[in-house]
Amino acid sequence: MGERITRAITGLDLAFNVVGQGPPLLLIHGFGANAYTWKKLVKYFAAQYTVISLDLKGHGRSPKPLDGGYSLHDQANLITEFIHAKGLHNVTIVGHSFGGAIALLSYIKLKKQGSNAIRALVLIDTIAYRQRLPVLINALCVPLLGYFLVHTFPEKFQVNMILKLVYYDSGRITEETVLS
């Protein structure tokens, strides 16, 4: 998979991979993850689709500016801008967890704009209603505490903690998963 960087309308560069040919399939990962989430599935989809797996703002190889713009709506705005900037049509969006909520909001935003860019929407274990956040995520939302936690603990430790929140069997978390 070749990594590419795109400049969205906001001027933010999002990292993404493209592989395959056919109608576009946009894969949106969950919180604390990145495009690597889809690594083992991409080869199956690439036979029929142009598979685009991107890193959301603040994740993977995409920028992590200290601008506070990481909400579901902020991310959905970036996704809709990405779809417009790339001239994508007939897109199937697949979103997982936090990425599913972003996919849903992106779909709603595009429909309100009168766009028919989205052909289908696939939501996997998606958040859609207000729910209690894990303690770690709440701590990250506290301005000084969040900054302290992110800048005090090594990235590898932070990633491992997030993965333990989302994996049913934490024994399946490998070194490759943490490092990717």
N, C-alpha and C. Protein backbone atom coordinates (compact mmCIF):
# COMPACT_ATOMS: atom_id res chain seq x y z
N MET A 1 0.85 -1.18 0.00
CA MET A 1 0.00 0.00 0.00
C MET A 1 0.88 1.24 0.00
N GLY A 2 0.61 2.14 -0.90
CA GLY A 2 1.37 3.37 -0.95
C GLY A 2 0.75 4.43 -0.08
N GLU A 3 1.55 5.04 0.76
CA GLU A 3 1.03 6.12 1.61
C GLU A 3 0.97 7.39 0.79
N ARG A 4 -0.09 8.11 0.99
CA ARG A 4 -0.24 9.41 0.34
C ARG A 4 -0.69 10.40 1.40
N ILE A 5 -0.45 11.63 1.13
CA ILE A 5 -0.90 12.71 2.01
C ILE A 5 -1.80 13.60 1.18
N THR A 6 -2.89 14.03 1.76
CA THR A 6 -3.78 14.93 1.04
C THR A 6 -3.97 16.21 1.85
N ARG A 7 -4.18 17.30 1.18
CA ARG A 7 -4.46 18.56 1.86
C ARG A 7 -5.95 18.81 1.74
N ALA A 8 -6.62 18.74 2.88
CA ALA A 8 -8.06 19.00 2.90
C ALA A 8 -8.27 20.51 2.76
N ILE A 9 -9.50 20.90 2.61
CA ILE A 9 -9.85 22.31 2.42
C ILE A 9 -9.34 23.17 3.58
N THR A 10 -9.31 22.60 4.80
CA THR A 10 -8.87 23.34 5.97
C THR A 10 -7.37 23.53 6.00
N GLY A 11 -6.64 22.87 5.09
CA GLY A 11 -5.19 22.98 5.09
C GLY A 11 -4.54 21.91 5.93
N LEU A 12 -5.29 20.99 6.47
CA LEU A 12 -4.73 19.91 7.29
C LEU A 12 -4.37 18.74 6.40
N ASP A 13 -3.16 18.23 6.53
CA ASP A 13 -2.73 17.07 5.75
C ASP A 13 -3.14 15.80 6.47
N LEU A 14 -3.93 14.96 5.81
CA LEU A 14 -4.31 13.66 6.36
C LEU A 14 -3.53 12.58 5.62
N ALA A 15 -2.98 11.64 6.38
CA ALA A 15 -2.27 10.52 5.77
C ALA A 15 -3.29 9.46 5.39
N PHE A 16 -3.09 8.83 4.23
CA PHE A 16 -3.99 7.76 3.82
C PHE A 16 -3.29 6.82 2.86
N ASN A 17 -3.82 5.62 2.76
CA ASN A 17 -3.32 4.60 1.85
C ASN A 17 -4.40 4.31 0.83
N VAL A 18 -3.99 4.02 -0.39
CA VAL A 18 -4.93 3.65 -1.45
C VAL A 18 -4.42 2.37 -2.11
N VAL A 19 -5.32 1.41 -2.30
CA VAL A 19 -4.97 0.17 -2.98
C VAL A 19 -6.22 -0.36 -3.69
N GLY A 20 -6.02 -1.02 -4.82
CA GLY A 20 -7.13 -1.65 -5.53
C GLY A 20 -7.75 -0.76 -6.59
N GLN A 21 -8.77 -1.32 -7.25
CA GLN A 21 -9.49 -0.60 -8.29
C GLN A 21 -10.97 -0.90 -8.18
N GLY A 22 -11.76 0.08 -8.53
CA GLY A 22 -13.21 -0.07 -8.49
C GLY A 22 -13.82 1.09 -7.74
N PRO A 23 -15.09 0.96 -7.34
CA PRO A 23 -15.73 2.03 -6.58
C PRO A 23 -14.98 2.28 -5.27
N PRO A 24 -14.97 3.52 -4.79
CA PRO A 24 -14.23 3.83 -3.57
C PRO A 24 -14.86 3.23 -2.30
N LEU A 25 -14.00 2.70 -1.46
CA LEU A 25 -14.37 2.17 -0.15
C LEU A 25 -13.50 2.90 0.86
N LEU A 26 -14.11 3.78 1.66
CA LEU A 26 -13.39 4.61 2.62
C LEU A 26 -13.49 3.98 4.00
N LEU A 27 -12.35 3.62 4.59
CA LEU A 27 -12.30 2.95 5.88
C LEU A 27 -11.88 3.95 6.97
N ILE A 28 -12.72 4.07 8.00
CA ILE A 28 -12.46 5.02 9.09
C ILE A 28 -12.31 4.25 10.40
N HIS A 29 -11.14 4.34 10.98
CA HIS A 29 -10.80 3.61 12.20
C HIS A 29 -11.41 4.23 13.45
N GLY A 30 -11.29 3.54 14.56
CA GLY A 30 -11.81 4.01 15.83
C GLY A 30 -10.80 4.84 16.61
N PHE A 31 -11.20 5.25 17.80
CA PHE A 31 -10.37 6.08 18.67
C PHE A 31 -9.12 5.32 19.10
N GLY A 32 -7.99 6.01 19.11
CA GLY A 32 -6.74 5.40 19.54
C GLY A 32 -6.16 4.44 18.52
N ALA A 33 -6.74 4.38 17.33
CA ALA A 33 -6.27 3.47 16.30
C ALA A 33 -5.75 4.27 15.11
N ASN A 34 -5.53 3.58 14.01
CA ASN A 34 -5.11 4.24 12.77
C ASN A 34 -5.44 3.32 11.60
N ALA A 35 -4.96 3.65 10.43
CA ALA A 35 -5.28 2.88 9.23
C ALA A 35 -4.84 1.42 9.36
N TYR A 36 -3.89 1.16 10.21
CA TYR A 36 -3.42 -0.22 10.43
C TYR A 36 -4.57 -1.14 10.85
N THR A 37 -5.60 -0.59 11.47
CA THR A 37 -6.77 -1.36 11.89
C THR A 37 -7.27 -2.26 10.78
N TRP A 38 -7.20 -1.79 9.56
CA TRP A 38 -7.79 -2.47 8.41
C TRP A 38 -6.80 -3.33 7.64
N LYS A 39 -5.55 -3.39 8.10
CA LYS A 39 -4.45 -4.02 7.36
C LYS A 39 -4.80 -5.42 6.83
N LYS A 40 -5.38 -6.26 7.64
CA LYS A 40 -5.64 -7.64 7.23
C LYS A 40 -6.88 -7.78 6.34
N LEU A 41 -7.71 -6.76 6.27
CA LEU A 41 -8.92 -6.81 5.45
C LEU A 41 -8.76 -6.18 4.08
N VAL A 42 -7.83 -5.23 3.97
CA VAL A 42 -7.68 -4.46 2.75
C VAL A 42 -7.49 -5.35 1.53
N LYS A 43 -6.68 -6.38 1.64
CA LYS A 43 -6.40 -7.23 0.47
C LYS A 43 -7.66 -7.90 -0.08
N TYR A 44 -8.61 -8.18 0.79
CA TYR A 44 -9.86 -8.80 0.34
C TYR A 44 -10.75 -7.79 -0.38
N PHE A 45 -10.78 -6.57 0.13
CA PHE A 45 -11.60 -5.53 -0.47
C PHE A 45 -11.01 -5.01 -1.78
N ALA A 46 -9.67 -5.01 -1.88
CA ALA A 46 -8.98 -4.40 -3.01
C ALA A 46 -9.28 -5.09 -4.34
N ALA A 47 -9.79 -6.31 -4.29
CA ALA A 47 -10.13 -7.02 -5.53
C ALA A 47 -11.33 -6.37 -6.24
N GLN A 48 -12.18 -5.68 -5.47
CA GLN A 48 -13.39 -5.08 -6.05
C GLN A 48 -13.51 -3.57 -5.85
N TYR A 49 -12.69 -3.01 -4.97
CA TYR A 49 -12.83 -1.60 -4.61
C TYR A 49 -11.48 -0.88 -4.66
N THR A 50 -11.55 0.43 -4.80
CA THR A 50 -10.41 1.29 -4.51
C THR A 50 -10.50 1.56 -3.02
N VAL A 51 -9.65 0.93 -2.25
CA VAL A 51 -9.73 0.99 -0.79
C VAL A 51 -8.87 2.15 -0.30
N ILE A 52 -9.52 3.04 0.45
CA ILE A 52 -8.85 4.20 1.03
C ILE A 52 -8.94 4.06 2.54
N SER A 53 -7.80 3.82 3.18
CA SER A 53 -7.78 3.76 4.64
C SER A 53 -6.96 4.95 5.11
N LEU A 54 -7.61 5.81 5.87
CA LEU A 54 -6.91 7.03 6.29
C LEU A 54 -6.70 7.07 7.79
N ASP A 55 -5.79 7.92 8.18
CA ASP A 55 -5.55 8.21 9.60
C ASP A 55 -6.30 9.48 9.93
N LEU A 56 -7.21 9.40 10.88
CA LEU A 56 -7.94 10.58 11.33
C LEU A 56 -6.97 11.60 11.92
N LYS A 57 -7.39 12.82 11.99
CA LYS A 57 -6.61 13.87 12.65
C LYS A 57 -6.25 13.40 14.05
N GLY A 58 -4.98 13.53 14.40
CA GLY A 58 -4.53 13.13 15.74
C GLY A 58 -4.18 11.66 15.87
N HIS A 59 -4.24 10.93 14.78
CA HIS A 59 -3.99 9.48 14.80
C HIS A 59 -2.96 9.11 13.74
N GLY A 60 -2.23 8.05 14.01
CA GLY A 60 -1.29 7.52 13.03
C GLY A 60 -0.33 8.56 12.50
N ARG A 61 -0.24 8.66 11.18
CA ARG A 61 0.69 9.57 10.52
C ARG A 61 0.07 10.93 10.21
N SER A 62 -1.19 11.13 10.58
CA SER A 62 -1.82 12.44 10.37
C SER A 62 -1.38 13.42 11.46
N PRO A 63 -1.49 14.71 11.17
CA PRO A 63 -1.07 15.72 12.15
C PRO A 63 -1.84 15.64 13.47
N LYS A 64 -1.20 16.15 14.50
CA LYS A 64 -1.77 16.17 15.84
C LYS A 64 -1.65 17.58 16.43
N PRO A 65 -2.29 18.55 15.77
CA PRO A 65 -2.16 19.93 16.25
C PRO A 65 -2.84 20.13 17.61
N LEU A 66 -2.32 21.07 18.37
CA LEU A 66 -2.89 21.38 19.68
C LEU A 66 -3.96 22.45 19.54
N ASP A 67 -4.96 22.18 18.69
CA ASP A 67 -6.00 23.16 18.43
C ASP A 67 -7.34 22.81 19.06
N GLY A 68 -7.42 21.68 19.74
CA GLY A 68 -8.66 21.29 20.40
C GLY A 68 -9.75 20.80 19.46
N GLY A 69 -9.48 20.71 18.16
CA GLY A 69 -10.50 20.34 17.18
C GLY A 69 -10.53 18.84 16.89
N TYR A 70 -10.90 18.06 17.89
CA TYR A 70 -10.89 16.60 17.74
C TYR A 70 -12.26 15.97 18.00
N SER A 71 -13.30 16.77 18.05
CA SER A 71 -14.63 16.23 18.33
C SER A 71 -15.12 15.40 17.15
N LEU A 72 -16.21 14.67 17.38
CA LEU A 72 -16.84 13.91 16.30
C LEU A 72 -17.17 14.83 15.12
N HIS A 73 -17.71 16.00 15.42
CA HIS A 73 -18.09 16.94 14.35
C HIS A 73 -16.87 17.48 13.62
N ASP A 74 -15.78 17.76 14.36
CA ASP A 74 -14.55 18.23 13.72
C ASP A 74 -14.02 17.17 12.75
N GLN A 75 -13.99 15.93 13.21
CA GLN A 75 -13.49 14.84 12.38
C GLN A 75 -14.41 14.60 11.18
N ALA A 76 -15.73 14.67 11.40
CA ALA A 76 -16.68 14.48 10.29
C ALA A 76 -16.52 15.58 9.25
N ASN A 77 -16.24 16.81 9.69
CA ASN A 77 -15.99 17.89 8.74
C ASN A 77 -14.78 17.58 7.87
N LEU A 78 -13.73 17.04 8.49
CA LEU A 78 -12.54 16.68 7.73
C LEU A 78 -12.83 15.56 6.73
N ILE A 79 -13.65 14.59 7.13
CA ILE A 79 -13.99 13.49 6.23
C ILE A 79 -14.80 14.00 5.04
N THR A 80 -15.77 14.87 5.30
CA THR A 80 -16.57 15.40 4.19
C THR A 80 -15.68 16.25 3.27
N GLU A 81 -14.76 17.00 3.85
CA GLU A 81 -13.81 17.79 3.04
C GLU A 81 -12.91 16.87 2.23
N PHE A 82 -12.49 15.77 2.83
CA PHE A 82 -11.65 14.79 2.14
C PHE A 82 -12.40 14.23 0.92
N ILE A 83 -13.65 13.86 1.12
CA ILE A 83 -14.47 13.31 0.03
C ILE A 83 -14.63 14.34 -1.09
N HIS A 84 -14.88 15.60 -0.72
CA HIS A 84 -15.00 16.66 -1.73
C HIS A 84 -13.66 16.90 -2.43
N ALA A 85 -12.58 17.02 -1.63
CA ALA A 85 -11.26 17.33 -2.19
C ALA A 85 -10.78 16.25 -3.15
N LYS A 86 -11.13 15.02 -2.87
CA LYS A 86 -10.72 13.90 -3.73
C LYS A 86 -11.72 13.63 -4.85
N GLY A 87 -12.82 14.36 -4.86
CA GLY A 87 -13.83 14.17 -5.90
C GLY A 87 -14.44 12.78 -5.88
N LEU A 88 -14.60 12.22 -4.69
CA LEU A 88 -15.12 10.86 -4.57
C LEU A 88 -16.63 10.83 -4.78
N HIS A 89 -17.08 9.83 -5.52
CA HIS A 89 -18.51 9.60 -5.77
C HIS A 89 -18.78 8.12 -5.59
N ASN A 90 -20.02 7.79 -5.27
CA ASN A 90 -20.40 6.40 -5.13
C ASN A 90 -19.57 5.69 -4.05
N VAL A 91 -19.30 6.41 -2.96
CA VAL A 91 -18.43 5.92 -1.89
C VAL A 91 -19.20 5.03 -0.92
N THR A 92 -18.56 3.94 -0.54
CA THR A 92 -19.04 3.15 0.59
C THR A 92 -18.12 3.51 1.75
N ILE A 93 -18.70 4.00 2.84
CA ILE A 93 -17.91 4.32 4.02
C ILE A 93 -18.11 3.21 5.04
N VAL A 94 -16.99 2.72 5.57
CA VAL A 94 -17.01 1.73 6.65
C VAL A 94 -16.36 2.39 7.86
N GLY A 95 -17.11 2.49 8.95
CA GLY A 95 -16.59 3.10 10.16
C GLY A 95 -16.69 2.17 11.34
N HIS A 96 -15.65 2.16 12.15
CA HIS A 96 -15.61 1.30 13.33
C HIS A 96 -15.54 2.16 14.60
N SER A 97 -16.40 1.86 15.57
CA SER A 97 -16.39 2.51 16.87
C SER A 97 -16.51 4.03 16.71
N PHE A 98 -15.55 4.79 17.22
CA PHE A 98 -15.52 6.24 17.08
C PHE A 98 -15.58 6.62 15.60
N GLY A 99 -14.90 5.86 14.76
CA GLY A 99 -14.92 6.09 13.31
C GLY A 99 -16.30 5.88 12.71
N GLY A 100 -17.09 5.00 13.31
CA GLY A 100 -18.45 4.78 12.84
C GLY A 100 -19.32 6.00 13.09
N ALA A 101 -19.14 6.60 14.26
CA ALA A 101 -19.89 7.82 14.57
C ALA A 101 -19.48 8.95 13.62
N ILE A 102 -18.20 9.02 13.29
CA ILE A 102 -17.71 10.02 12.34
C ILE A 102 -18.30 9.75 10.96
N ALA A 103 -18.34 8.48 10.57
CA ALA A 103 -18.92 8.09 9.27
C ALA A 103 -20.39 8.49 9.21
N LEU A 104 -21.13 8.22 10.29
CA LEU A 104 -22.55 8.56 10.35
C LEU A 104 -22.76 10.07 10.24
N LEU A 105 -21.99 10.84 10.99
CA LEU A 105 -22.10 12.30 10.92
C LEU A 105 -21.70 12.82 9.53
N SER A 106 -20.69 12.21 8.93
CA SER A 106 -20.27 12.62 7.59
C SER A 106 -21.39 12.39 6.59
N TYR A 107 -22.04 11.24 6.71
CA TYR A 107 -23.17 10.92 5.83
C TYR A 107 -24.28 11.96 5.98
N ILE A 108 -24.61 12.28 7.23
CA ILE A 108 -25.67 13.27 7.51
C ILE A 108 -25.28 14.63 6.94
N LYS A 109 -24.04 15.05 7.15
CA LYS A 109 -23.58 16.34 6.64
C LYS A 109 -23.65 16.39 5.11
N LEU A 110 -23.21 15.32 4.46
CA LEU A 110 -23.25 15.29 3.00
C LEU A 110 -24.69 15.31 2.48
N LYS A 111 -25.58 14.61 3.14
CA LYS A 111 -27.00 14.61 2.73
C LYS A 111 -27.59 16.00 2.88
N LYS A 112 -27.26 16.69 3.98
CA LYS A 112 -27.77 18.05 4.19
C LYS A 112 -27.24 19.01 3.13
N GLN A 113 -26.05 18.72 2.59
CA GLN A 113 -25.48 19.54 1.52
C GLN A 113 -26.07 19.19 0.16
N GLY A 114 -26.93 18.16 0.13
CA GLY A 114 -27.53 17.73 -1.13
C GLY A 114 -26.64 16.80 -1.93
N SER A 115 -25.59 16.30 -1.32
CA SER A 115 -24.64 15.42 -2.01
C SER A 115 -25.14 13.98 -2.02
N ASN A 116 -24.90 13.32 -3.12
CA ASN A 116 -25.19 11.89 -3.22
C ASN A 116 -23.89 11.11 -3.33
N ALA A 117 -22.82 11.63 -2.74
CA ALA A 117 -21.50 11.00 -2.85
C ALA A 117 -21.46 9.62 -2.18
N ILE A 118 -22.28 9.42 -1.16
CA ILE A 118 -22.23 8.17 -0.40
C ILE A 118 -23.23 7.17 -0.97
N ARG A 119 -22.71 6.02 -1.35
CA ARG A 119 -23.54 4.93 -1.87
C ARG A 119 -24.06 4.06 -0.73
N ALA A 120 -23.17 3.77 0.24
CA ALA A 120 -23.55 2.90 1.35
C ALA A 120 -22.76 3.27 2.58
N LEU A 121 -23.31 2.92 3.73
CA LEU A 121 -22.71 3.22 5.01
C LEU A 121 -22.70 1.94 5.83
N VAL A 122 -21.51 1.52 6.27
CA VAL A 122 -21.37 0.32 7.08
C VAL A 122 -20.81 0.75 8.43
N LEU A 123 -21.55 0.46 9.49
CA LEU A 123 -21.15 0.85 10.84
C LEU A 123 -20.87 -0.39 11.67
N ILE A 124 -19.67 -0.45 12.26
CA ILE A 124 -19.25 -1.60 13.05
C ILE A 124 -19.02 -1.16 14.49
N ASP A 125 -19.80 -1.71 15.42
CA ASP A 125 -19.64 -1.41 16.84
C ASP A 125 -19.54 0.10 17.08
N THR A 126 -20.46 0.82 16.48
CA THR A 126 -20.42 2.28 16.45
C THR A 126 -21.07 2.92 17.66
N ILE A 127 -20.47 4.01 18.11
CA ILE A 127 -21.13 4.83 19.10
C ILE A 127 -22.12 5.71 18.35
N ALA A 128 -23.31 5.88 18.92
CA ALA A 128 -24.31 6.71 18.27
C ALA A 128 -25.12 7.52 19.28
N TYR A 129 -25.06 7.15 20.52
CA TYR A 129 -25.81 7.83 21.57
C TYR A 129 -24.84 8.28 22.65
N ARG A 130 -25.28 9.23 23.44
CA ARG A 130 -24.45 9.65 24.57
C ARG A 130 -24.20 8.44 25.46
N GLN A 131 -22.97 8.29 25.86
CA GLN A 131 -22.62 7.17 26.72
C GLN A 131 -21.47 7.58 27.63
N ARG A 132 -21.29 6.83 28.67
CA ARG A 132 -20.22 7.11 29.61
C ARG A 132 -18.88 6.77 28.96
N LEU A 133 -17.95 7.69 29.05
CA LEU A 133 -16.62 7.46 28.50
C LEU A 133 -15.74 6.75 29.53
N PRO A 134 -14.78 5.96 29.06
CA PRO A 134 -13.83 5.34 29.98
C PRO A 134 -13.07 6.41 30.78
N VAL A 135 -12.64 6.08 31.97
CA VAL A 135 -11.95 7.01 32.87
C VAL A 135 -10.75 7.66 32.17
N LEU A 136 -9.98 6.86 31.45
CA LEU A 136 -8.80 7.39 30.77
C LEU A 136 -9.18 8.49 29.77
N ILE A 137 -10.24 8.27 29.02
CA ILE A 137 -10.67 9.26 28.02
C ILE A 137 -11.15 10.52 28.71
N ASN A 138 -11.91 10.38 29.80
CA ASN A 138 -12.34 11.56 30.57
C ASN A 138 -11.14 12.35 31.08
N ALA A 139 -10.11 11.64 31.54
CA ALA A 139 -8.91 12.31 32.04
C ALA A 139 -8.24 13.11 30.93
N LEU A 140 -8.24 12.58 29.73
CA LEU A 140 -7.62 13.28 28.60
C LEU A 140 -8.37 14.55 28.24
N CYS A 141 -9.65 14.62 28.59
CA CYS A 141 -10.47 15.80 28.27
C CYS A 141 -10.24 16.95 29.25
N VAL A 142 -9.62 16.69 30.38
CA VAL A 142 -9.32 17.74 31.36
C VAL A 142 -8.09 18.49 30.85
N PRO A 143 -8.22 19.79 30.56
CA PRO A 143 -7.15 20.51 29.87
C PRO A 143 -5.73 20.27 30.36
N LEU A 144 -5.38 20.61 31.56
CA LEU A 144 -4.00 20.45 32.02
C LEU A 144 -3.65 18.98 32.28
N LEU A 145 -4.59 18.24 32.83
CA LEU A 145 -4.34 16.83 33.11
C LEU A 145 -4.12 16.06 31.81
N GLY A 146 -4.97 16.30 30.81
CA GLY A 146 -4.83 15.63 29.51
C GLY A 146 -3.46 15.91 28.89
N TYR A 147 -3.06 17.17 28.92
CA TYR A 147 -1.76 17.54 28.36
C TYR A 147 -0.64 16.84 29.13
N PHE A 148 -0.73 16.83 30.44
CA PHE A 148 0.28 16.19 31.29
C PHE A 148 0.37 14.69 30.97
N LEU A 149 -0.77 14.01 30.89
CA LEU A 149 -0.78 12.57 30.62
C LEU A 149 -0.17 12.25 29.26
N VAL A 150 -0.55 13.01 28.25
CA VAL A 150 -0.06 12.74 26.89
C VAL A 150 1.44 12.99 26.79
N HIS A 151 1.94 13.99 27.50
CA HIS A 151 3.34 14.35 27.37
C HIS A 151 4.24 13.71 28.43
N THR A 152 3.68 13.00 29.39
CA THR A 152 4.47 12.36 30.43
C THR A 152 4.76 10.90 30.11
N PHE A 153 3.75 10.20 29.63
CA PHE A 153 3.89 8.77 29.39
C PHE A 153 4.32 8.50 27.95
N PRO A 154 5.19 7.51 27.76
CA PRO A 154 5.63 7.17 26.40
C PRO A 154 4.45 6.76 25.51
N GLU A 155 4.57 7.07 24.22
CA GLU A 155 3.49 6.74 23.28
C GLU A 155 3.14 5.26 23.32
N LYS A 156 4.14 4.41 23.39
CA LYS A 156 3.90 2.96 23.40
C LYS A 156 3.02 2.57 24.59
N PHE A 157 3.25 3.16 25.73
CA PHE A 157 2.43 2.90 26.92
C PHE A 157 1.00 3.38 26.69
N GLN A 158 0.85 4.59 26.13
CA GLN A 158 -0.48 5.15 25.87
C GLN A 158 -1.27 4.27 24.90
N VAL A 159 -0.61 3.84 23.84
CA VAL A 159 -1.27 2.99 22.84
C VAL A 159 -1.70 1.68 23.48
N ASN A 160 -0.83 1.10 24.27
CA ASN A 160 -1.15 -0.17 24.95
C ASN A 160 -2.36 0.00 25.87
N MET A 161 -2.44 1.11 26.57
CA MET A 161 -3.58 1.36 27.47
C MET A 161 -4.89 1.48 26.67
N ILE A 162 -4.85 2.19 25.57
CA ILE A 162 -6.05 2.34 24.73
C ILE A 162 -6.46 0.99 24.16
N LEU A 163 -5.50 0.22 23.67
CA LEU A 163 -5.82 -1.09 23.10
C LEU A 163 -6.44 -2.02 24.15
N LYS A 164 -6.00 -1.92 25.38
CA LYS A 164 -6.59 -2.75 26.44
C LYS A 164 -8.05 -2.37 26.69
N LEU A 165 -8.40 -1.13 26.41
CA LEU A 165 -9.79 -0.70 26.56
C LEU A 165 -10.68 -1.27 25.45
N VAL A 166 -10.11 -1.48 24.26
CA VAL A 166 -10.93 -1.86 23.12
C VAL A 166 -10.83 -3.33 22.73
N TYR A 167 -9.82 -4.03 23.17
CA TYR A 167 -9.69 -5.46 22.86
C TYR A 167 -10.45 -6.26 23.90
N TYR A 168 -11.25 -7.20 23.44
CA TYR A 168 -11.94 -8.11 24.36
C TYR A 168 -10.92 -9.00 25.05
N ASP A 169 -9.97 -9.53 24.28
CA ASP A 169 -8.92 -10.40 24.80
C ASP A 169 -7.59 -9.66 24.68
N SER A 170 -7.15 -9.02 25.75
CA SER A 170 -5.92 -8.22 25.69
C SER A 170 -4.69 -9.08 25.41
N GLY A 171 -4.80 -10.38 25.54
CA GLY A 171 -3.71 -11.27 25.21
C GLY A 171 -3.41 -11.30 23.71
N ARG A 172 -4.33 -10.77 22.92
CA ARG A 172 -4.15 -10.74 21.46
C ARG A 172 -3.46 -9.45 20.98
N ILE A 173 -3.12 -8.58 21.92
CA ILE A 173 -2.40 -7.35 21.56
C ILE A 173 -0.95 -7.73 21.37
N THR A 174 -0.47 -7.56 20.14
CA THR A 174 0.92 -7.92 19.83
C THR A 174 1.79 -6.66 19.79
N GLU A 175 3.08 -6.89 19.81
CA GLU A 175 4.05 -5.79 19.69
C GLU A 175 3.83 -5.05 18.37
N GLU A 176 3.55 -5.80 17.29
CA GLU A 176 3.30 -5.17 15.99
C GLU A 176 2.08 -4.26 16.05
N THR A 177 1.02 -4.68 16.76
CA THR A 177 -0.18 -3.88 16.88
C THR A 177 0.12 -2.58 17.63
N VAL A 178 0.90 -2.66 18.68
CA VAL A 178 1.22 -1.47 19.48
C VAL A 178 2.11 -0.51 18.70
N LEU A 179 3.04 -1.03 17.93
CA LEU A 179 3.99 -0.19 17.22
C LEU A 179 3.48 0.40 15.92
N SER A 180 2.38 -0.13 15.39
CA SER A 180 1.93 0.35 14.08
C SER A 180 1.11 1.59 14.13
